[in-house]
Amino acid sequence: MNIPPFTVIRSKRKTLGIQVTEDGRVVVRAPLRCPKAEIACFVEAYSGWIEKKQRQALEIKSRADAAGCLSEREISALSSSMKKALPEKLRHFASLLKVSYGKVTVRCQKTKWGSCSSKGNLNFNCLLMLAPEAVLDYVIVHELCHIIHPDHSKAFWAEVERILPGCKQQRAWLKNNGGLLMARAKAGEDPRE
């Protein structure tokens, strides 16, 4: 079996990790002293998985190109819409969870749908305005639940499910369609930046 070309990033980690970027490049994260031969064997062992991920990345890029990249004006409009939609939704779900939150920020993010800081500050991706409303609700509840459980433990998922029964459908929607939304936001970027 052929070993695909790959880039190695060494750090003080203990295990090998592999990633296929959205443009199909293979990146291996390795411990500082890990032998090159061990890294090559690791990549070869995952070559089938790598090939599958590269095909998926190519398909997403093709779909994003067909759908067209989002202009700065469109992203700005999505951001404005998100800022109008969030306050009421946050109040509603925060009251159900009996939590309070800090500052709320809306951005066009390249890899995340939302985040919650240790201080309870929330960040949301404006691209969620292109998703079904139930998906936006899911991400809001997900981040608010991190105020109670700052991890992805069973207790965290039970809390999300308590507020949004059947939320696995929304998670699946993001898994199946989220890459396309983010690719549309990236399509117009200068690759040198």
Protein backbone atom coordinates (compact mmCIF):
# COMPACT_ATOMS: atom_id res chain seq x y z
CA MET A 1 0.00 0.00 0.00
CA ASN A 2 1.28 3.50 -0.82
CA ILE A 3 2.01 5.94 1.95
CA PRO A 4 0.53 9.35 1.16
CA PRO A 5 2.77 12.40 1.54
CA PHE A 6 2.51 13.93 5.00
CA THR A 7 3.84 16.70 7.20
CA VAL A 8 5.08 16.00 10.72
CA ILE A 9 4.61 18.41 13.61
CA ARG A 10 6.58 17.39 16.68
CA SER A 11 5.70 18.48 20.20
CA LYS A 12 5.80 17.31 23.81
CA ARG A 13 2.88 14.97 23.25
CA LYS A 14 2.94 11.28 24.16
CA THR A 15 1.01 9.74 21.28
CA LEU A 16 0.80 9.96 17.50
CA GLY A 17 -2.15 11.75 15.95
CA ILE A 18 -3.23 12.22 12.36
CA GLN A 19 -5.35 14.84 10.62
CA VAL A 20 -6.52 15.40 7.07
CA THR A 21 -6.99 19.13 6.51
CA GLU A 22 -9.86 20.60 4.51
CA ASP A 23 -7.56 20.88 1.49
CA GLY A 24 -6.61 17.18 1.77
CA ARG A 25 -3.13 17.54 3.28
CA VAL A 26 -2.06 14.92 5.82
CA VAL A 27 -0.60 16.22 9.09
CA VAL A 28 0.89 13.89 11.68
CA ARG A 29 1.42 15.14 15.21
CA ALA A 30 4.22 13.21 16.88
CA PRO A 31 6.24 13.11 20.12
CA LEU A 32 9.60 14.88 19.92
CA ARG A 33 11.69 11.69 19.82
CA CYS A 34 9.41 9.45 17.79
CA PRO A 35 11.40 7.66 15.05
CA LYS A 36 10.56 8.50 11.42
CA ALA A 37 10.02 4.80 10.65
CA GLU A 38 7.37 4.55 13.38
CA ILE A 39 5.60 7.61 11.97
CA ALA A 40 5.66 6.14 8.46
CA CYS A 41 4.18 2.85 9.75
CA PHE A 42 1.48 4.81 11.57
CA VAL A 43 0.56 6.69 8.39
CA GLU A 44 0.54 3.46 6.38
CA ALA A 45 -1.75 1.81 8.94
CA TYR A 46 -4.24 4.65 8.50
CA SER A 47 -3.88 4.99 4.72
CA GLY A 48 -7.42 3.73 4.06
CA TRP A 49 -8.85 6.22 6.55
CA ILE A 50 -6.69 8.99 5.04
CA GLU A 51 -7.91 8.20 1.53
CA LYS A 52 -11.55 8.33 2.71
CA LYS A 53 -11.01 11.68 4.46
CA GLN A 54 -9.24 13.12 1.39
CA ARG A 55 -12.18 12.08 -0.82
CA GLN A 56 -14.58 13.73 1.63
CA ALA A 57 -12.50 16.94 1.67
CA LEU A 58 -12.49 17.02 -2.14
CA GLU A 59 -16.26 16.49 -2.24
CA ILE A 60 -16.88 19.28 0.29
CA LYS A 61 -14.64 21.64 -1.66
CA SER A 62 -16.44 20.77 -4.88
CA ARG A 63 -19.86 21.34 -3.26
CA ALA A 64 -18.67 24.64 -1.75
CA ASP A 65 -17.36 25.80 -5.13
CA ALA A 66 -20.71 24.88 -6.75
CA ALA A 67 -22.69 26.69 -4.03
CA GLY A 68 -20.39 29.70 -4.25
CA CYS A 69 -18.33 31.39 -1.59
CA LEU A 70 -19.99 33.78 0.81
CA SER A 71 -19.13 37.44 0.30
CA GLU A 72 -18.13 39.73 3.14
CA ARG A 73 -21.55 41.38 2.80
CA GLU A 74 -23.34 38.02 3.15
CA ILE A 75 -21.23 37.09 6.19
CA SER A 76 -21.96 40.48 7.73
CA ALA A 77 -25.70 39.96 7.16
CA LEU A 78 -25.50 36.50 8.76
CA SER A 79 -23.70 38.01 11.73
CA SER A 80 -26.36 40.72 12.14
CA SER A 81 -29.15 38.13 11.93
CA MET A 82 -27.42 35.98 14.53
CA LYS A 83 -27.04 38.93 16.91
CA LYS A 84 -30.80 39.56 16.63
CA ALA A 85 -31.76 35.91 17.12
CA LEU A 86 -29.47 35.06 20.03
CA PRO A 87 -30.76 37.16 22.97
CA GLU A 88 -34.23 35.62 23.13
CA LYS A 89 -32.96 32.08 22.51
CA LEU A 90 -30.20 32.44 25.11
CA ARG A 91 -32.66 33.78 27.73
CA HIS A 92 -35.07 30.93 27.03
CA PHE A 93 -32.54 28.09 27.22
CA ALA A 94 -30.54 29.64 30.09
CA SER A 95 -33.74 29.80 32.15
CA LEU A 96 -34.48 26.13 31.42
CA LEU A 97 -30.94 25.22 32.51
CA LYS A 98 -30.96 27.72 35.41
CA VAL A 99 -27.60 29.17 34.35
CA SER A 100 -26.29 32.64 33.72
CA TYR A 101 -23.71 33.52 31.09
CA GLY A 102 -21.25 36.30 30.42
CA LYS A 103 -20.36 38.13 27.25
CA VAL A 104 -21.75 36.85 23.94
CA THR A 105 -19.72 37.16 20.74
CA VAL A 106 -20.64 36.33 17.14
CA ARG A 107 -17.91 35.57 14.60
CA CYS A 108 -17.44 33.80 11.30
CA GLN A 109 -15.25 30.99 12.60
CA LYS A 110 -13.30 28.54 10.49
CA THR A 111 -13.47 25.44 12.69
CA LYS A 112 -15.95 25.86 15.57
CA TRP A 113 -19.70 26.33 15.86
CA GLY A 114 -19.51 27.72 19.36
CA SER A 115 -17.50 27.86 22.54
CA CYS A 116 -17.90 28.59 26.23
CA SER A 117 -15.06 30.02 28.29
CA SER A 118 -14.38 29.18 31.92
CA LYS A 119 -15.97 32.56 32.79
CA GLY A 120 -19.19 31.64 30.97
CA ASN A 121 -18.52 33.85 27.96
CA LEU A 122 -20.14 32.43 24.83
CA ASN A 123 -19.03 32.57 21.23
CA PHE A 124 -21.17 31.52 18.24
CA ASN A 125 -20.45 31.07 14.56
CA CYS A 126 -22.65 33.27 12.33
CA LEU A 127 -22.70 30.48 9.72
CA LEU A 128 -25.25 28.74 11.96
CA MET A 129 -27.81 31.09 10.42
CA LEU A 130 -27.51 28.94 7.27
CA ALA A 131 -28.44 25.80 9.24
CA PRO A 132 -31.93 24.72 10.30
CA GLU A 133 -33.16 26.56 13.40
CA ALA A 134 -33.09 23.32 15.42
CA VAL A 135 -29.33 23.10 14.76
CA LEU A 136 -28.81 26.64 16.06
CA ASP A 137 -30.85 25.73 19.16
CA TYR A 138 -28.70 22.64 19.65
CA VAL A 139 -25.43 24.63 19.54
CA ILE A 140 -26.83 27.21 21.97
CA VAL A 141 -27.90 24.50 24.43
CA HIS A 142 -24.58 22.67 23.95
CA GLU A 143 -22.59 25.78 24.92
CA LEU A 144 -24.89 26.69 27.82
CA CYS A 145 -24.53 23.14 29.18
CA HIS A 146 -20.77 23.71 29.29
CA ILE A 147 -21.42 26.27 32.03
CA ILE A 148 -22.64 23.36 34.17
CA HIS A 149 -20.30 20.67 32.80
CA PRO A 150 -17.09 22.04 31.21
CA ASP A 151 -16.47 18.71 29.47
CA HIS A 152 -18.22 16.15 27.26
CA SER A 153 -18.99 13.70 30.06
CA LYS A 154 -22.09 11.50 30.25
CA ALA A 155 -23.59 14.08 32.62
CA PHE A 156 -23.02 16.82 30.02
CA TRP A 157 -24.74 14.85 27.24
CA ALA A 158 -27.60 13.90 29.58
CA GLU A 159 -28.17 17.60 30.29
CA VAL A 160 -28.18 18.49 26.58
CA GLU A 161 -30.61 15.62 25.90
CA ARG A 162 -32.84 16.71 28.79
CA ILE A 163 -33.32 20.13 27.20
CA LEU A 164 -33.37 18.93 23.58
CA PRO A 165 -34.57 15.33 23.37
CA GLY A 166 -33.47 13.78 20.09
CA CYS A 167 -30.65 16.27 19.57
CA LYS A 168 -28.59 13.56 17.89
CA GLN A 169 -30.32 14.55 14.65
CA GLN A 170 -28.91 18.08 14.93
CA ARG A 171 -25.44 16.74 15.71
CA ALA A 172 -25.69 14.50 12.65
CA TRP A 173 -26.80 17.46 10.52
CA LEU A 174 -23.72 19.42 11.59
CA LYS A 175 -21.46 16.44 10.94
CA ASN A 176 -22.91 15.92 7.46
CA ASN A 177 -23.35 19.55 6.36
CA GLY A 178 -21.18 21.72 8.60
CA GLY A 179 -18.03 21.26 6.55
CA LEU A 180 -19.81 22.63 3.48
CA LEU A 181 -20.93 25.77 5.34
CA MET A 182 -17.44 26.45 6.64
CA ALA A 183 -15.92 25.72 3.22
CA ARG A 184 -18.24 28.31 1.65
CA ALA A 185 -16.92 30.90 4.08
CA LYS A 186 -13.33 29.93 3.27
CA ALA A 187 -13.71 29.60 -0.48
CA GLY A 188 -12.87 33.22 -1.16
CA GLU A 189 -9.86 33.45 1.15
CA ASP A 190 -6.38 34.15 -0.08
CA PRO A 191 -4.42 30.93 0.62
CA ARG A 192 -1.32 32.99 1.55
CA GLU A 193 -3.09 34.48 4.59
